Amino acid sequence: MNRKDFLRSTLGTAMALTGMDTLAKNAGITGAPELSAPPAFTLPPLPYANSALEPHIDMLTMEIHHDRHHKAYVDNLNKEIDGKPLAKLTIEAILKDVSKHPVAVRNNGGGHYNHTFFWKHLSPSMSDRASGPVADAIDKAFGTELAFREAFAKAATARFGSGWVWLIVDKSKKLVISSTPNQDNPLMDVAEVKGIPVLGLDVWEHAYYLKYQNKRPDYVRAYWNVVNWNEVNKNYEAAMKG
């Protein structure tokens, strides 16, 4: 290639690149996107295998429930609060004043908190009976553990549509059963009954439908076989100090 051809080729390439740059700018593409801050919240791993709670809660349900549903709540929450002051708060602080925030924060923030709480107080090979301080508190509040379970099951089956049923410590330091719709929880300022969760059961259909179909009462009964009462006692003791 002689000098004339080289210059012609170089000039043509430059013009082509300039034209591409102009098209990119006109399309709103100005280079590599800026990296956002690290996500405020992450999906916590399960403290046991997906199959660990069988036969009471099946492996596929756990996989879908944790790896997909819970992950979606985390991803959507991070997207909603990215670059905002909320990203610097704890999830509890966000939920405390949730009425001041967009509905997406309420739904996804609640979904993240509720499920993180839920996974922690489930465990394989646990006693199906309450023990420790919370057992004494249950007897004091409800008369017997059987009476407590019956009241808890009634609240769980009476929840219309999707939601949660809770055992909470209320502001008077008493154990109370409550229920919330969707992904609400007793920490929220919008909750009808406010308190600190000690134990909670997800009664959304995705939590049980593959195994129990429409038989929510069967799912509620099976739940007691995988409750980690050691963790429930930790929740109870922390709530009583709070």
Protein backbone atom coordinates (compact mmCIF):
# COMPACT_ATOMS: atom_id res chain seq x y z
CA MET A 1 0.00 0.00 0.00
CA ASN A 2 1.46 3.40 -1.04
CA ARG A 3 1.27 6.55 1.08
CA LYS A 4 -1.78 7.91 -0.80
CA ASP A 5 -3.75 4.70 -0.33
CA PHE A 6 -2.72 4.52 3.34
CA LEU A 7 -3.97 8.05 4.05
CA ARG A 8 -7.21 7.38 2.19
CA SER A 9 -7.75 4.19 4.23
CA THR A 10 -6.92 5.89 7.52
CA LEU A 11 -9.22 8.82 6.77
CA GLY A 12 -12.05 6.45 5.84
CA THR A 13 -11.64 4.50 9.08
CA ALA A 14 -11.64 7.69 11.13
CA MET A 15 -14.79 8.93 9.43
CA ALA A 16 -16.47 5.59 9.98
CA LEU A 17 -15.57 5.65 13.66
CA THR A 18 -16.79 9.22 13.98
CA GLY A 19 -20.06 8.24 12.36
CA MET A 20 -20.48 5.29 14.73
CA ASP A 21 -19.75 7.55 17.70
CA THR A 22 -22.38 10.02 16.51
CA LEU A 23 -24.94 7.26 16.12
CA ALA A 24 -24.13 5.98 19.60
CA LYS A 25 -24.56 9.43 21.11
CA ASN A 26 -27.85 9.92 19.29
CA ALA A 27 -29.02 6.58 20.70
CA GLY A 28 -28.07 7.63 24.22
CA ILE A 29 -25.08 5.29 24.43
CA THR A 30 -22.09 7.16 25.79
CA GLY A 31 -19.80 4.32 26.75
CA ALA A 32 -19.70 1.66 29.47
CA PRO A 33 -22.42 2.22 32.08
CA GLU A 34 -21.31 3.42 35.49
CA LEU A 35 -21.15 0.70 38.09
CA SER A 36 -23.75 1.11 40.82
CA ALA A 37 -22.88 0.63 44.48
CA PRO A 38 -22.76 -2.94 45.83
CA PRO A 39 -26.27 -4.25 46.55
CA ALA A 40 -27.58 -3.25 49.96
CA PHE A 41 -29.02 -6.71 50.59
CA THR A 42 -28.04 -10.23 49.56
CA LEU A 43 -29.81 -13.56 49.49
CA PRO A 44 -28.72 -15.50 52.58
CA PRO A 45 -27.89 -19.15 51.95
CA LEU A 46 -30.07 -21.76 53.59
CA PRO A 47 -28.51 -23.20 56.75
CA TYR A 48 -29.37 -26.69 55.48
CA ALA A 49 -29.79 -28.53 52.19
CA ASN A 50 -32.96 -28.05 50.11
CA SER A 51 -33.87 -31.66 50.87
CA ALA A 52 -33.21 -31.45 54.61
CA LEU A 53 -36.80 -30.77 55.65
CA GLU A 54 -38.34 -33.71 53.80
CA PRO A 55 -40.81 -35.28 54.02
CA HIS A 56 -42.51 -32.33 55.72
CA ILE A 57 -41.36 -29.70 53.20
CA ASP A 58 -40.16 -31.14 49.90
CA MET A 59 -36.90 -30.33 48.13
CA LEU A 60 -38.43 -28.78 45.00
CA THR A 61 -40.59 -26.43 47.05
CA MET A 62 -37.54 -25.32 49.02
CA GLU A 63 -35.55 -24.77 45.84
CA ILE A 64 -38.26 -22.67 44.22
CA HIS A 65 -39.15 -20.86 47.43
CA HIS A 66 -35.61 -19.85 48.41
CA ASP A 67 -33.67 -19.73 45.16
CA ARG A 68 -36.36 -18.00 43.11
CA HIS A 69 -39.03 -16.31 45.22
CA HIS A 70 -36.75 -15.00 47.96
CA LYS A 71 -34.08 -14.03 45.44
CA ALA A 72 -36.64 -12.03 43.49
CA TYR A 73 -37.57 -10.07 46.61
CA VAL A 74 -33.91 -9.26 47.25
CA ASP A 75 -33.21 -8.27 43.65
CA ASN A 76 -36.31 -6.09 43.41
CA LEU A 77 -35.63 -4.42 46.75
CA ASN A 78 -32.07 -3.57 45.74
CA LYS A 79 -33.29 -2.18 42.44
CA GLU A 80 -35.87 0.00 44.18
CA ILE A 81 -33.47 1.51 46.74
CA ASP A 82 -30.30 1.68 44.64
CA GLY A 83 -28.61 5.05 45.12
CA LYS A 84 -31.15 6.19 47.71
CA PRO A 85 -30.70 6.85 51.45
CA LEU A 86 -32.72 3.69 52.18
CA ALA A 87 -29.81 1.61 50.89
CA LYS A 88 -27.84 2.56 54.01
CA LEU A 89 -30.50 1.37 56.46
CA THR A 90 -31.06 -2.06 58.00
CA ILE A 91 -34.09 -3.96 56.80
CA GLU A 92 -35.68 -3.52 60.24
CA ALA A 93 -35.25 0.25 60.07
CA ILE A 94 -36.81 0.33 56.61
CA LEU A 95 -39.83 -1.69 57.70
CA LYS A 96 -40.37 0.37 60.85
CA ASP A 97 -41.42 3.35 58.72
CA VAL A 98 -42.56 1.43 55.66
CA SER A 99 -45.67 3.57 55.17
CA LYS A 100 -43.36 6.40 54.09
CA HIS A 101 -41.84 4.34 51.29
CA PRO A 102 -43.06 3.09 47.88
CA VAL A 103 -45.22 -0.02 47.74
CA ALA A 104 -42.34 -1.91 46.07
CA VAL A 105 -40.22 -1.36 49.18
CA ARG A 106 -43.03 -2.61 51.41
CA ASN A 107 -43.62 -5.74 49.34
CA ASN A 108 -40.04 -6.69 48.57
CA GLY A 109 -38.55 -5.48 51.84
CA GLY A 110 -41.16 -7.45 53.73
CA GLY A 111 -40.56 -10.47 51.53
CA HIS A 112 -36.83 -10.35 52.24
CA TYR A 113 -37.20 -9.93 56.01
CA ASN A 114 -39.97 -12.52 56.37
CA HIS A 115 -38.15 -15.23 54.47
CA THR A 116 -34.79 -14.60 56.13
CA PHE A 117 -36.58 -14.97 59.46
CA PHE A 118 -38.47 -18.06 58.30
CA TRP A 119 -35.43 -20.06 57.13
CA LYS A 120 -33.60 -19.51 60.41
CA HIS A 121 -36.19 -21.13 62.64
CA LEU A 122 -36.60 -24.23 60.49
CA SER A 123 -34.31 -27.22 60.90
CA PRO A 124 -34.29 -30.98 60.30
CA SER A 125 -34.33 -33.50 63.13
CA MET A 126 -35.72 -31.13 65.73
CA SER A 127 -38.12 -31.87 68.58
CA ASP A 128 -41.74 -31.41 67.60
CA ARG A 129 -42.44 -29.93 71.03
CA ALA A 130 -41.57 -26.51 72.38
CA SER A 131 -38.84 -26.31 74.98
CA GLY A 132 -36.98 -23.74 77.04
CA PRO A 133 -38.27 -20.30 78.13
CA VAL A 134 -40.63 -19.95 75.19
CA ALA A 135 -42.41 -23.17 76.19
CA ASP A 136 -43.14 -21.72 79.63
CA ALA A 137 -44.28 -18.46 78.05
CA ILE A 138 -46.60 -20.34 75.67
CA ASP A 139 -48.20 -22.22 78.57
CA LYS A 140 -48.67 -18.95 80.45
CA ALA A 141 -50.20 -17.15 77.48
CA PHE A 142 -52.35 -19.93 76.01
CA GLY A 143 -52.81 -22.49 78.79
CA THR A 144 -51.14 -25.38 76.97
CA GLU A 145 -48.98 -25.89 73.91
CA LEU A 146 -51.87 -27.76 72.29
CA ALA A 147 -54.14 -24.76 72.79
CA PHE A 148 -51.45 -22.52 71.29
CA ARG A 149 -51.11 -24.74 68.22
CA GLU A 150 -54.85 -24.82 67.70
CA ALA A 151 -55.03 -21.02 67.87
CA PHE A 152 -52.03 -20.68 65.57
CA ALA A 153 -53.54 -23.12 63.04
CA LYS A 154 -56.86 -21.26 63.15
CA ALA A 155 -55.10 -17.99 62.33
CA ALA A 156 -53.09 -19.65 59.55
CA THR A 157 -56.09 -21.24 57.86
CA ALA A 158 -58.27 -18.15 58.34
CA ARG A 159 -55.79 -15.91 56.51
CA PHE A 160 -57.57 -15.27 53.22
CA GLY A 161 -55.26 -15.47 50.24
CA SER A 162 -51.54 -15.01 50.77
CA GLY A 163 -49.87 -13.96 53.98
CA TRP A 164 -48.19 -14.99 57.21
CA VAL A 165 -49.15 -16.05 60.72
CA TRP A 166 -46.92 -15.02 63.62
CA LEU A 167 -46.16 -15.58 67.27
CA ILE A 168 -44.97 -12.22 68.54
CA VAL A 169 -43.99 -10.42 71.71
CA ASP A 170 -46.21 -7.35 71.87
CA LYS A 171 -45.47 -4.01 73.53
CA SER A 172 -46.67 -5.35 76.90
CA LYS A 173 -44.16 -8.23 76.63
CA LYS A 174 -46.87 -10.82 76.14
CA LEU A 175 -46.98 -13.59 73.53
CA VAL A 176 -49.68 -12.94 70.94
CA ILE A 177 -50.70 -14.65 67.69
CA SER A 178 -51.20 -12.34 64.75
CA SER A 179 -51.60 -12.58 60.99
CA THR A 180 -50.53 -10.27 58.18
CA PRO A 181 -51.43 -10.13 54.47
CA ASN A 182 -49.01 -10.51 51.58
CA GLN A 183 -45.43 -9.81 52.76
CA ASP A 184 -46.37 -7.54 55.67
CA ASN A 185 -45.11 -8.33 59.15
CA PRO A 186 -45.59 -7.11 62.74
CA LEU A 187 -42.53 -4.82 62.60
CA MET A 188 -44.23 -2.55 60.08
CA ASP A 189 -45.95 0.65 61.12
CA VAL A 190 -48.89 -0.47 58.96
CA ALA A 191 -49.39 -3.73 60.89
CA GLU A 192 -52.74 -4.13 62.62
CA VAL A 193 -51.00 -5.90 65.52
CA LYS A 194 -47.45 -4.74 66.13
CA GLY A 195 -44.70 -6.62 67.90
CA ILE A 196 -41.44 -8.49 67.58
CA PRO A 197 -41.66 -11.82 65.72
CA VAL A 198 -40.68 -14.94 67.62
CA LEU A 199 -41.98 -17.50 65.14
CA GLY A 200 -43.64 -17.14 61.76
CA LEU A 201 -45.22 -19.35 59.12
CA ASP A 202 -45.48 -18.52 55.42
CA VAL A 203 -48.95 -19.40 54.16
CA TRP A 204 -48.48 -18.23 50.57
CA GLU A 205 -49.43 -21.09 48.26
CA HIS A 206 -45.92 -21.26 46.81
CA ALA A 207 -44.73 -22.37 50.27
CA TYR A 208 -46.74 -25.59 50.24
CA TYR A 209 -48.80 -26.17 47.07
CA LEU A 210 -46.53 -28.69 45.32
CA LYS A 211 -46.86 -31.14 48.20
CA TYR A 212 -50.08 -30.19 49.96
CA GLN A 213 -52.10 -28.62 47.09
CA ASN A 214 -55.09 -26.84 48.66
CA LYS A 215 -54.71 -28.57 52.04
CA ARG A 216 -53.20 -25.73 54.01
CA PRO A 217 -54.16 -27.30 57.40
CA ASP A 218 -51.97 -30.33 56.55
CA TYR A 219 -49.06 -28.03 55.82
CA VAL A 220 -49.58 -26.20 59.12
CA ARG A 221 -49.56 -29.48 61.03
CA ALA A 222 -46.39 -30.64 59.25
CA TYR A 223 -44.67 -27.37 60.10
CA TRP A 224 -44.27 -28.31 63.76
CA ASN A 225 -41.98 -31.17 62.77
CA VAL A 226 -39.31 -28.79 61.48
CA VAL A 227 -39.47 -25.86 63.92
CA ASN A 228 -36.09 -25.10 65.46
CA TRP A 229 -37.12 -24.32 69.04
CA ASN A 230 -33.56 -23.33 69.92
CA GLU A 231 -33.81 -20.48 67.42
CA VAL A 232 -37.32 -19.60 68.59
CA ASN A 233 -35.98 -19.28 72.14
CA LYS A 234 -33.27 -16.93 70.91
CA ASN A 235 -35.91 -14.83 69.19
CA TYR A 236 -38.04 -14.82 72.32
CA GLU A 237 -35.22 -13.84 74.67
CA ALA A 238 -34.09 -11.06 72.31
CA ALA A 239 -37.66 -9.76 72.03
CA MET A 240 -38.08 -9.71 75.80
CA LYS A 241 -34.92 -7.64 76.15
CA GLY A 242 -35.88 -5.28 73.30
